[in-house]
N, C-alpha and C. Protein backbone atom coordinates (compact mmCIF):
# COMPACT_ATOMS: atom_id res chain seq x y z
N MET A 1 -6.16 -8.65 11.22
CA MET A 1 -5.66 -8.50 9.74
C MET A 1 -6.74 -7.40 8.47
N LEU A 2 -5.70 -7.01 7.79
CA LEU A 2 -6.54 -6.16 6.79
C LEU A 2 -6.24 -6.03 5.47
N ARG A 3 -7.14 -6.47 4.46
CA ARG A 3 -7.51 -7.12 3.48
C ARG A 3 -7.20 -5.93 2.48
N ILE A 4 -6.42 -5.34 1.45
CA ILE A 4 -6.50 -4.41 0.51
C ILE A 4 -5.79 -4.74 -0.59
N LYS A 5 -7.10 -4.64 -1.74
CA LYS A 5 -6.73 -4.68 -3.18
C LYS A 5 -6.67 -3.24 -3.88
N ILE A 6 -5.16 -3.75 -4.20
CA ILE A 6 -4.77 -2.53 -4.64
C ILE A 6 -4.90 -3.14 -6.47
N SER A 7 -5.22 -2.41 -7.52
CA SER A 7 -5.73 -2.91 -8.67
C SER A 7 -4.52 -2.06 -9.37
N ASP A 8 -4.49 -2.75 -10.82
CA ASP A 8 -3.63 -2.59 -11.96
C ASP A 8 -3.58 -1.24 -12.37
N GLY A 9 -4.51 -0.60 -11.87
CA GLY A 9 -4.54 1.00 -12.47
C GLY A 9 -5.57 0.71 -14.07
N GLU A 10 -5.94 2.35 -14.46
CA GLU A 10 -6.86 2.14 -15.65
C GLU A 10 -6.67 1.47 -16.75
N VAL A 11 -7.77 0.57 -17.28
CA VAL A 11 -7.39 0.07 -18.73
C VAL A 11 -8.28 0.87 -19.65
N PHE A 12 -7.91 0.48 -20.99
CA PHE A 12 -8.69 1.06 -21.71
C PHE A 12 -9.82 -0.21 -22.61
N ASN A 13 -10.95 0.00 -22.32
CA ASN A 13 -11.66 -1.45 -22.68
C ASN A 13 -12.21 -0.47 -24.36
N GLU A 14 -11.53 -1.73 -25.64
CA GLU A 14 -11.69 -1.18 -26.97
C GLU A 14 -12.87 -1.40 -27.33
N LEU A 15 -13.92 -2.52 -26.70
CA LEU A 15 -15.13 -2.95 -27.26
C LEU A 15 -16.25 -1.49 -26.70
N THR A 16 -15.94 -0.93 -25.83
CA THR A 16 -16.66 -0.01 -25.15
C THR A 16 -16.25 1.78 -25.31
N GLY A 17 -14.78 1.53 -25.58
CA GLY A 17 -14.04 2.76 -25.99
C GLY A 17 -13.83 3.79 -24.76
N GLU A 18 -14.45 2.98 -23.29
CA GLU A 18 -13.85 3.78 -22.13
C GLU A 18 -12.80 3.06 -21.39
N PHE A 19 -12.74 3.98 -20.23
CA PHE A 19 -11.39 3.60 -19.51
C PHE A 19 -11.91 3.00 -18.26
N GLY A 20 -11.58 2.60 -17.72
CA GLY A 20 -12.14 1.84 -16.40
C GLY A 20 -10.95 0.86 -15.94
N ASP A 21 -11.08 0.58 -14.23
CA ASP A 21 -10.21 -0.01 -13.57
C ASP A 21 -9.91 -1.68 -13.83
N SER A 22 -9.00 -1.75 -14.15
CA SER A 22 -8.62 -3.14 -14.14
C SER A 22 -9.28 -4.22 -13.36
N ASN A 23 -9.55 -5.20 -13.52
CA ASN A 23 -10.16 -6.54 -12.67
C ASN A 23 -9.20 -7.17 -11.92
N SER A 24 -8.05 -7.27 -12.95
CA SER A 24 -6.70 -7.74 -11.91
C SER A 24 -5.83 -6.82 -11.00
N GLY A 25 -5.40 -7.40 -10.08
CA GLY A 25 -4.55 -6.55 -8.94
C GLY A 25 -3.82 -7.60 -7.97
N VAL A 26 -3.53 -6.25 -7.17
CA VAL A 26 -2.55 -7.32 -6.30
C VAL A 26 -3.64 -7.20 -4.60
N VAL A 27 -3.60 -8.27 -3.71
CA VAL A 27 -4.38 -8.44 -2.33
C VAL A 27 -3.35 -8.37 -1.71
N LEU A 28 -3.41 -6.99 -0.83
CA LEU A 28 -2.19 -7.38 0.38
C LEU A 28 -2.72 -7.72 1.63
N GLU A 29 -2.40 -8.53 2.67
CA GLU A 29 -2.65 -8.93 3.72
C GLU A 29 -2.02 -8.38 4.74
N LEU A 30 -2.50 -7.32 5.40
CA LEU A 30 -1.28 -6.53 6.37
C LEU A 30 -1.80 -6.70 8.02
N GLU A 31 -0.89 -6.69 8.73
CA GLU A 31 -1.02 -7.00 10.30
C GLU A 31 0.01 -5.58 10.65
N HIS A 32 -0.71 -5.03 11.32
CA HIS A 32 0.15 -4.04 12.26
C HIS A 32 0.15 -4.77 14.15
N SER A 33 1.77 -4.80 13.73
CA SER A 33 2.10 -5.78 15.00
C SER A 33 3.47 -5.56 15.17
N LEU A 34 3.81 -6.12 16.62
CA LEU A 34 5.20 -5.76 17.08
C LEU A 34 6.33 -6.25 16.05
N VAL A 35 5.67 -7.23 15.34
CA VAL A 35 6.73 -7.71 14.41
C VAL A 35 7.19 -6.88 13.22
N SER A 36 6.16 -6.23 12.86
CA SER A 36 6.14 -5.07 11.67
C SER A 36 7.24 -4.13 12.25
N VAL A 37 6.61 -3.24 13.22
CA VAL A 37 7.35 -2.15 13.84
C VAL A 37 8.81 -2.75 14.18
N SER A 38 9.36 -4.02 14.83
CA SER A 38 10.49 -4.06 14.96
C SER A 38 11.39 -4.25 13.36
N ARG A 39 10.94 -4.85 12.44
CA ARG A 39 11.13 -4.56 11.24
C ARG A 39 11.71 -3.74 10.71
N TRP A 40 10.83 -2.29 10.88
CA TRP A 40 10.75 -1.19 10.53
C TRP A 40 11.91 -0.65 11.00
N GLU A 41 12.00 -0.84 12.15
CA GLU A 41 13.01 0.27 13.38
C GLU A 41 14.49 -0.43 13.12
N SER A 42 14.60 -1.60 12.85
CA SER A 42 15.74 -1.99 12.35
C SER A 42 16.59 -1.61 11.09
N LYS A 43 15.75 -0.97 9.85
CA LYS A 43 15.97 -0.47 9.38
C LYS A 43 15.87 0.54 9.02
N TRP A 44 15.14 1.44 9.83
CA TRP A 44 15.57 2.91 9.73
C TRP A 44 15.96 3.38 11.31
N GLU A 45 16.16 2.78 11.96
CA GLU A 45 17.17 3.05 13.54
C GLU A 45 16.46 4.13 14.05
N LYS A 46 14.74 4.32 13.53
CA LYS A 46 14.52 4.87 14.84
C LYS A 46 13.28 4.23 15.57
N PRO A 47 12.58 4.92 16.44
CA PRO A 47 11.31 4.34 17.07
C PRO A 47 10.21 5.19 15.97
N PHE A 48 9.50 3.78 16.02
CA PHE A 48 8.19 3.99 15.08
C PHE A 48 7.49 4.73 15.68
N LEU A 49 7.08 4.27 17.16
CA LEU A 49 5.85 4.83 17.33
C LEU A 49 6.42 6.47 18.54
N GLY A 50 7.68 6.78 17.80
CA GLY A 50 8.14 8.59 18.20
C GLY A 50 7.30 9.24 17.75
N SER A 51 7.46 10.78 18.34
CA SER A 51 6.47 11.56 17.64
C SER A 51 7.35 12.18 16.38
N GLU A 52 8.03 12.15 15.81
CA GLU A 52 8.78 12.22 14.94
C GLU A 52 8.03 12.32 13.43
N ASP A 53 8.08 12.76 12.70
CA ASP A 53 6.94 12.29 11.14
C ASP A 53 7.52 11.41 10.81
N LYS A 54 7.13 10.86 9.98
CA LYS A 54 7.47 10.26 8.71
C LYS A 54 7.66 9.98 7.57
N THR A 55 8.78 9.83 6.45
CA THR A 55 8.72 10.60 5.14
C THR A 55 7.70 9.42 4.76
N GLN A 56 7.52 9.85 3.63
CA GLN A 56 6.44 8.81 2.18
C GLN A 56 7.12 7.84 2.26
N GLU A 57 8.40 7.81 1.94
CA GLU A 57 8.96 6.58 2.02
C GLU A 57 9.05 5.56 2.99
N GLN A 58 9.33 6.30 4.27
CA GLN A 58 9.19 5.22 5.31
C GLN A 58 7.69 4.56 5.61
N THR A 59 6.66 5.77 5.58
CA THR A 59 5.19 5.48 5.53
C THR A 59 5.13 4.01 4.47
N LEU A 60 5.46 3.97 3.31
CA LEU A 60 5.19 2.86 2.29
C LEU A 60 5.82 1.74 2.88
N ASP A 61 7.37 1.93 3.25
CA ASP A 61 7.82 0.73 3.41
C ASP A 61 7.44 0.13 5.12
N TYR A 62 6.73 1.02 5.70
CA TYR A 62 6.03 0.66 6.91
C TYR A 62 5.28 -0.91 6.39
N ILE A 63 4.08 -0.03 5.44
CA ILE A 63 2.91 -0.76 5.01
C ILE A 63 3.28 -1.96 3.91
N GLY A 64 4.65 -1.87 4.02
CA GLY A 64 4.97 -3.21 3.08
C GLY A 64 5.81 -4.22 3.98
N MET A 65 6.41 -3.67 5.07
CA MET A 65 6.62 -4.73 6.19
C MET A 65 5.64 -4.97 7.33
N MET A 66 4.24 -4.51 6.96
CA MET A 66 3.03 -4.93 7.27
C MET A 66 2.57 -6.32 6.73
N SER A 67 2.82 -6.31 5.25
CA SER A 67 2.65 -7.38 4.84
C SER A 67 2.81 -8.62 5.09
N LEU A 68 1.48 -9.74 4.95
CA LEU A 68 1.94 -10.83 5.37
C LEU A 68 2.49 -11.72 4.36
N ASN A 69 2.12 -11.05 2.90
CA ASN A 69 2.59 -11.99 1.80
C ASN A 69 3.84 -11.57 1.01
N ASP A 70 4.22 -12.36 0.27
CA ASP A 70 5.59 -12.04 0.48
C ASP A 70 5.98 -10.92 0.11
N GLU A 71 7.58 -10.57 -0.05
CA GLU A 71 7.84 -8.96 0.12
C GLU A 71 7.16 -8.31 -1.21
N VAL A 72 6.51 -7.26 -0.73
CA VAL A 72 5.89 -6.46 -1.50
C VAL A 72 6.51 -5.41 -2.75
N PRO A 73 6.65 -5.33 -4.14
CA PRO A 73 7.20 -4.58 -4.17
C PRO A 73 6.88 -3.07 -4.44
N PRO A 74 8.00 -2.59 -4.29
CA PRO A 74 7.67 -0.76 -4.10
C PRO A 74 6.90 -0.79 -5.35
N ALA A 75 6.44 -1.15 -6.81
CA ALA A 75 5.68 -0.55 -7.73
C ALA A 75 4.21 -0.95 -7.07
N VAL A 76 4.11 -1.46 -6.53
CA VAL A 76 2.96 -2.19 -5.76
C VAL A 76 2.26 -1.36 -4.86
N LEU A 77 3.20 -0.92 -4.01
CA LEU A 77 3.09 0.08 -2.92
C LEU A 77 2.79 1.58 -3.43
N SER A 78 3.58 2.16 -4.50
CA SER A 78 3.01 3.42 -5.34
C SER A 78 2.07 3.37 -5.89
N ARG A 79 1.06 2.41 -6.04
CA ARG A 79 -0.07 2.23 -6.68
C ARG A 79 -1.29 2.09 -5.55
N LEU A 80 -0.89 2.85 -4.35
CA LEU A 80 -1.95 2.54 -3.05
C LEU A 80 -2.82 3.75 -3.54
N SER A 81 -4.12 3.86 -3.69
CA SER A 81 -4.81 5.01 -3.46
C SER A 81 -5.15 5.41 -2.49
N ALA A 82 -5.82 6.64 -2.44
CA ALA A 82 -5.83 7.57 -1.00
C ALA A 82 -7.04 6.85 -0.11
N ASP A 83 -7.94 6.40 -0.66
CA ASP A 83 -8.99 5.71 -0.04
C ASP A 83 -8.16 4.42 0.47
N ASN A 84 -7.16 3.45 0.02
CA ASN A 84 -6.32 2.65 0.52
C ASN A 84 -5.74 3.32 2.00
N VAL A 85 -4.94 4.20 1.67
CA VAL A 85 -3.74 4.82 2.70
C VAL A 85 -4.55 4.96 3.89
N ASN A 86 -6.33 5.59 3.78
CA ASN A 86 -7.15 6.22 4.61
C ASN A 86 -7.53 4.72 5.65
N ARG A 87 -7.85 3.92 4.75
CA ARG A 87 -8.19 2.30 5.54
C ARG A 87 -7.10 1.44 5.92
N ILE A 88 -5.95 2.19 5.79
CA ILE A 88 -4.75 1.33 6.31
C ILE A 88 -4.52 2.36 7.81
N ASN A 89 -4.56 3.71 7.74
CA ASN A 89 -4.40 4.46 8.59
C ASN A 89 -5.58 4.36 9.72
N GLU A 90 -6.73 4.11 9.28
CA GLU A 90 -7.69 3.85 10.31
C GLU A 90 -7.82 2.25 10.70
N TYR A 91 -7.14 1.29 10.29
CA TYR A 91 -6.81 0.12 10.95
C TYR A 91 -5.44 0.33 11.83
N ILE A 92 -4.51 0.95 11.62
CA ILE A 92 -3.44 1.21 12.34
C ILE A 92 -3.53 1.92 13.82
N ASN A 93 -4.77 2.95 13.57
CA ASN A 93 -5.15 3.41 14.96
C ASN A 93 -6.60 2.80 15.47
N ALA A 94 -7.08 1.84 15.20
CA ALA A 94 -8.08 1.25 15.48
C ALA A 94 -7.69 0.60 16.96
N LYS A 95 -8.61 0.50 18.04
CA LYS A 95 -8.38 0.41 19.06
C LYS A 95 -8.06 -1.21 19.25
N MET A 96 -9.00 -2.43 18.53
CA MET A 96 -8.67 -3.80 18.57
C MET A 96 -9.09 -4.24 19.62
N THR A 97 -9.74 -3.71 20.55
CA THR A 97 -10.55 -4.11 21.74
C THR A 97 -11.70 -3.97 22.57
N ALA A 98 -12.69 -4.48 23.34
CA ALA A 98 -13.52 -3.71 24.06
C ALA A 98 -13.01 -2.62 24.97
N THR A 99 -11.69 -3.58 25.74
CA THR A 99 -11.29 -2.80 26.85
C THR A 99 -11.38 -1.38 26.69
N THR A 100 -11.92 -0.89 28.18
CA THR A 100 -11.96 0.79 28.34
C THR A 100 -11.01 1.03 29.55
N PHE A 101 -10.39 1.97 29.91
CA PHE A 101 -9.66 2.22 31.17
C PHE A 101 -10.39 3.95 32.10
N GLN A 102 -10.56 3.51 32.92
CA GLN A 102 -11.30 4.88 33.45
C GLN A 102 -9.98 5.35 34.62
N GLU A 103 -9.77 6.68 34.11
CA GLU A 103 -8.35 7.51 34.94
C GLU A 103 -8.66 8.05 36.03
N ARG A 104 -7.98 7.45 36.79
CA ARG A 104 -8.42 8.15 38.42
C ARG A 104 -7.82 9.48 38.30
N ARG A 105 -6.53 9.50 38.42
CA ARG A 105 -5.61 10.69 38.59
C ARG A 105 -5.00 11.45 37.31
N LYS A 106 -4.71 12.16 37.19
CA LYS A 106 -3.96 12.84 36.14
C LYS A 106 -2.58 12.52 36.23
N GLN A 107 -2.08 11.40 34.99
CA GLN A 107 -0.64 11.26 34.94
C GLN A 107 -0.14 11.80 33.90
N SER A 108 1.15 12.48 34.60
CA SER A 108 1.52 13.06 33.33
C SER A 108 2.49 12.08 32.16
N PRO A 109 2.50 12.17 31.01
CA PRO A 109 2.93 11.27 30.02
C PRO A 109 4.29 10.75 30.28
N SER A 110 4.37 9.55 30.06
CA SER A 110 5.87 9.31 30.14
C SER A 110 6.87 9.98 29.40
N ARG A 111 8.20 10.24 29.36
CA ARG A 111 9.06 10.75 28.49
C ARG A 111 9.85 9.56 27.75
N GLU A 112 9.56 8.50 28.45
CA GLU A 112 10.46 6.98 27.68
C GLU A 112 10.13 7.00 26.45
N THR A 113 11.18 6.63 25.48
CA THR A 113 11.19 6.85 24.44
C THR A 113 10.54 5.05 23.86
N ILE A 114 9.39 4.79 23.38
CA ILE A 114 8.74 3.50 23.10
C ILE A 114 9.29 2.77 21.97
N THR A 115 10.66 1.65 21.94
CA THR A 115 10.85 0.89 20.78
C THR A 115 10.19 -0.55 20.98
N ALA A 116 10.22 -1.01 20.04
CA ALA A 116 9.75 -2.46 19.60
C ALA A 116 10.56 -3.24 21.14
N GLU A 117 12.06 -3.24 21.14
CA GLU A 117 12.87 -3.77 22.19
C GLU A 117 12.23 -3.27 23.87
N LEU A 118 11.61 -2.60 23.57
CA LEU A 118 10.99 -2.23 24.99
C LEU A 118 9.65 -2.99 25.30
N ILE A 119 9.30 -2.70 24.45
CA ILE A 119 7.71 -3.70 24.39
C ILE A 119 8.16 -5.09 24.59
N TYR A 120 8.91 -5.57 23.56
CA TYR A 120 9.81 -6.92 24.31
C TYR A 120 9.67 -7.19 25.37
N TYR A 121 10.79 -6.19 26.27
CA TYR A 121 11.03 -6.34 27.38
C TYR A 121 10.00 -6.37 28.12
N TRP A 122 8.96 -5.77 28.47
CA TRP A 122 7.19 -5.20 28.82
C TRP A 122 6.82 -7.36 28.89
N MET A 123 6.88 -7.44 27.59
CA MET A 123 6.07 -8.67 27.64
C MET A 123 6.94 -9.78 28.25
N THR A 124 8.21 -9.88 28.45
CA THR A 124 9.13 -10.53 29.32
C THR A 124 8.87 -10.73 30.40
N ALA A 125 8.80 -9.35 31.07
CA ALA A 125 8.56 -9.05 32.49
C ALA A 125 7.41 -9.34 33.28
N LEU A 126 6.40 -9.15 32.03
CA LEU A 126 4.95 -9.59 32.48
C LEU A 126 4.71 -10.92 32.07
N GLN A 127 5.75 -11.80 31.62
CA GLN A 127 5.10 -12.95 31.33
C GLN A 127 4.54 -13.27 30.03
N ILE A 128 4.40 -12.27 29.04
CA ILE A 128 3.07 -12.13 27.99
C ILE A 128 3.56 -13.33 26.73
N PRO A 129 2.74 -14.38 26.35
CA PRO A 129 3.77 -15.41 25.44
C PRO A 129 4.23 -14.84 24.17
N PHE A 130 5.36 -15.12 23.36
CA PHE A 130 5.36 -14.34 22.27
C PHE A 130 4.67 -14.35 21.20
N GLU A 131 3.56 -14.91 21.23
CA GLU A 131 2.63 -15.25 20.08
C GLU A 131 1.89 -13.94 20.18
N CYS A 132 1.90 -13.35 21.14
CA CYS A 132 1.13 -12.44 21.40
C CYS A 132 1.98 -11.04 20.19
N GLN A 133 3.51 -11.14 19.62
CA GLN A 133 3.85 -10.51 18.97
C GLN A 133 3.44 -10.32 17.37
N HIS A 134 2.39 -10.94 17.16
CA HIS A 134 1.44 -11.14 15.49
C HIS A 134 0.37 -10.24 16.11
N TRP A 135 -0.16 -10.34 17.27
CA TRP A 135 -1.49 -9.25 17.67
C TRP A 135 -0.85 -7.88 17.06
N HIS A 136 -2.55 -7.25 16.83
CA HIS A 136 -2.21 -5.99 16.24
C HIS A 136 -1.54 -5.27 17.74
N LEU A 137 -0.96 -4.02 17.41
CA LEU A 137 -0.23 -3.72 18.29
C LEU A 137 -0.70 -2.80 19.38
N ASN A 138 -2.08 -2.30 18.87
CA ASN A 138 -3.04 -1.72 20.21
C ASN A 138 -3.42 -2.86 21.17
N ARG A 139 -3.75 -3.98 20.71
CA ARG A 139 -4.34 -4.64 21.58
C ARG A 139 -3.47 -5.32 22.69
N LEU A 140 -1.85 -5.33 21.76
CA LEU A 140 -0.85 -5.85 22.43
C LEU A 140 -0.77 -4.71 23.58
N LEU A 141 -0.58 -3.70 22.93
CA LEU A 141 -0.12 -2.48 24.14
C LEU A 141 -1.51 -2.48 25.32
N THR A 142 -3.00 -2.60 24.80
CA THR A 142 -3.43 -2.64 26.01
C THR A 142 -3.44 -3.71 27.27
N LEU A 143 -3.24 -4.98 26.47
CA LEU A 143 -2.60 -6.31 27.49
C LEU A 143 -1.83 -5.88 28.06
N ILE A 144 -0.78 -5.11 28.17
CA ILE A 144 0.45 -4.92 28.72
C ILE A 144 0.28 -4.03 29.89
N LYS A 145 -1.11 -2.97 29.69
CA LYS A 145 -1.18 -1.82 30.26
C LYS A 145 -1.99 -2.44 31.40
N ILE A 146 -2.99 -3.43 30.64
CA ILE A 146 -4.01 -4.51 31.99
C ILE A 146 -3.28 -5.38 33.23
N CYS A 147 -2.28 -5.62 32.68
CA CYS A 147 -1.02 -6.35 33.28
C CYS A 147 -0.62 -5.48 34.63
N ASN A 148 0.00 -4.10 33.87
CA ASN A 148 0.42 -3.42 34.92
C ASN A 148 -0.09 -2.70 35.90
N ILE A 149 -2.01 -3.29 35.37
CA ILE A 149 -2.54 -2.26 36.41
C ILE A 149 -3.02 -3.58 37.56
N LYS A 150 -3.45 -4.96 36.77
CA LYS A 150 -3.55 -5.99 37.85
C LYS A 150 -2.44 -6.01 38.53
N ASN A 151 -1.12 -5.71 38.23
CA ASN A 151 -0.13 -6.35 39.57
C ASN A 151 0.47 -5.06 40.29
N ALA A 152 -0.20 -4.05 40.00
CA ALA A 152 0.38 -2.97 40.72
C ALA A 152 -0.16 -3.28 41.98
N PRO A 153 0.42 -2.69 43.28
CA PRO A 153 -0.33 -2.35 44.52
C PRO A 153 -2.21 -1.77 44.48
N ALA A 154 -2.65 -2.11 45.26
CA ALA A 154 -3.89 -1.32 45.42
C ALA A 154 -3.64 0.53 45.95
N GLU A 155 -4.15 1.20 45.26
CA GLU A 155 -4.22 2.44 45.95
C GLU A 155 -4.72 2.86 46.88
N LYS A 156 -4.85 3.90 47.78
CA LYS A 156 -5.64 3.70 49.12
C LYS A 156 -6.14 5.08 48.32
N MET A 157 -7.48 5.19 48.57
CA MET A 157 -8.10 6.57 48.48
C MET A 157 -7.71 7.85 49.26
N THR A 158 -7.37 8.74 48.92
CA THR A 158 -7.08 10.42 49.45
C THR A 158 -8.77 10.43 50.40
N ALA A 159 -8.53 10.88 51.33
CA ALA A 159 -9.49 11.43 52.18
C ALA A 159 -10.53 12.16 51.40
N ALA A 160 -10.39 13.24 50.78
CA ALA A 160 -11.55 13.42 49.71
C ALA A 160 -12.39 12.85 48.81
N ASP A 161 -11.50 11.43 48.33
CA ASP A 161 -11.98 10.42 47.73
C ASP A 161 -13.16 9.67 48.47
N ALA A 162 -12.37 9.02 49.36
CA ALA A 162 -13.35 8.44 50.81
C ALA A 162 -14.32 9.22 50.87
N ALA A 163 -14.39 10.66 51.30
CA ALA A 163 -15.80 11.39 51.79
C ALA A 163 -16.62 11.61 50.12
N SER A 164 -15.94 12.13 49.17
CA SER A 164 -17.01 12.12 47.72
C SER A 164 -17.62 10.69 47.84
N HIS A 165 -16.94 9.26 47.85
CA HIS A 165 -17.65 8.43 47.88
C HIS A 165 -18.97 8.06 48.45
N GLN A 166 -18.73 8.32 50.03
CA GLN A 166 -19.67 7.96 51.16
C GLN A 166 -20.81 9.25 50.80
N ARG A 167 -20.57 10.25 50.12
CA ARG A 167 -21.84 10.86 49.71
C ARG A 167 -22.57 10.60 49.02
N ASP A 168 -22.06 10.11 47.78
CA ASP A 168 -22.70 9.21 46.56
C ASP A 168 -23.28 8.06 47.42
N LEU A 169 -23.17 7.39 47.86
CA LEU A 169 -23.39 6.18 48.75
C LEU A 169 -24.76 6.18 49.66
N ASN A 170 -24.25 7.65 50.11
CA ASN A 170 -25.36 8.35 51.10
C ASN A 170 -26.96 8.54 50.25
N ALA A 171 -26.17 9.29 49.43
CA ALA A 171 -27.33 9.85 47.91
C ALA A 171 -28.00 8.80 47.02
N GLN A 172 -27.14 7.48 47.26
CA GLN A 172 -28.14 6.73 46.42
C GLN A 172 -28.99 5.87 47.53
N ARG A 173 -28.34 5.64 48.81
CA ARG A 173 -29.47 4.71 49.85
C ARG A 173 -30.46 5.52 49.82
N LYS A 174 -30.32 7.21 49.82
CA LYS A 174 -31.59 8.19 50.25
C LYS A 174 -32.63 7.71 49.07
N ALA A 175 -32.08 8.01 48.32
CA ALA A 175 -32.89 7.78 46.83
C ALA A 175 -33.70 6.32 47.09
N GLN A 176 -32.95 4.97 47.36
CA GLN A 176 -33.85 3.78 47.35
C GLN A 176 -34.77 3.75 48.35
N LEU A 177 -34.18 4.36 49.47
CA LEU A 177 -35.54 4.47 50.47
C LEU A 177 -36.31 5.40 50.60
N GLY A 178 -36.53 6.82 49.81
CA GLY A 178 -37.41 7.35 49.58
C GLY A 178 -37.29 8.64 51.15
N THR A 179 -36.27 8.60 51.51
CA THR A 179 -36.02 9.29 53.05
C THR A 179 -35.32 10.50 52.57
N ARG A 180 -35.40 11.72 53.55
CA ARG A 180 -34.30 12.90 53.51
C ARG A 180 -33.19 13.17 54.00
N GLY A 181 -33.09 11.64 54.69
CA GLY A 181 -31.32 11.59 55.71
C GLY A 181 -31.83 10.87 57.28
């Protein structure tokens, strides 16, 4: 979850005769989750994870749908600073997991359009509990990828991969034993 404070803007301090930021404001609690994506897709009827750019209105609308607070008025969202938007984008793009993947073969990217319903299907097919729909979306997608990898049949090594692996083992053993072969 990300907490962002949106100030009420600049106020004039009559005692000092200076402008400054207001101490009051709104604290937004945001969660980039499957639930947020699903809400956004139901309203805009287009895939959130698609390659098509989003308008400023659609982006602000998504930030509002990420909110765990009550409905956020558009006037509050319009006061987001550039720093607020950068923090939100960093949060959305964060991995949110320590898991890394070692890609063996170059695979062409899937041309399948990923929508909230497809992710819900994956959750159902992989028996992932629906409580996970509230996780950070990237963490959920990582779990789905892990489930797919663990459920896939073991891949056989190609002859070239097996030979390369054997050469590496031989080199390691020679180094350990201090021999030339």
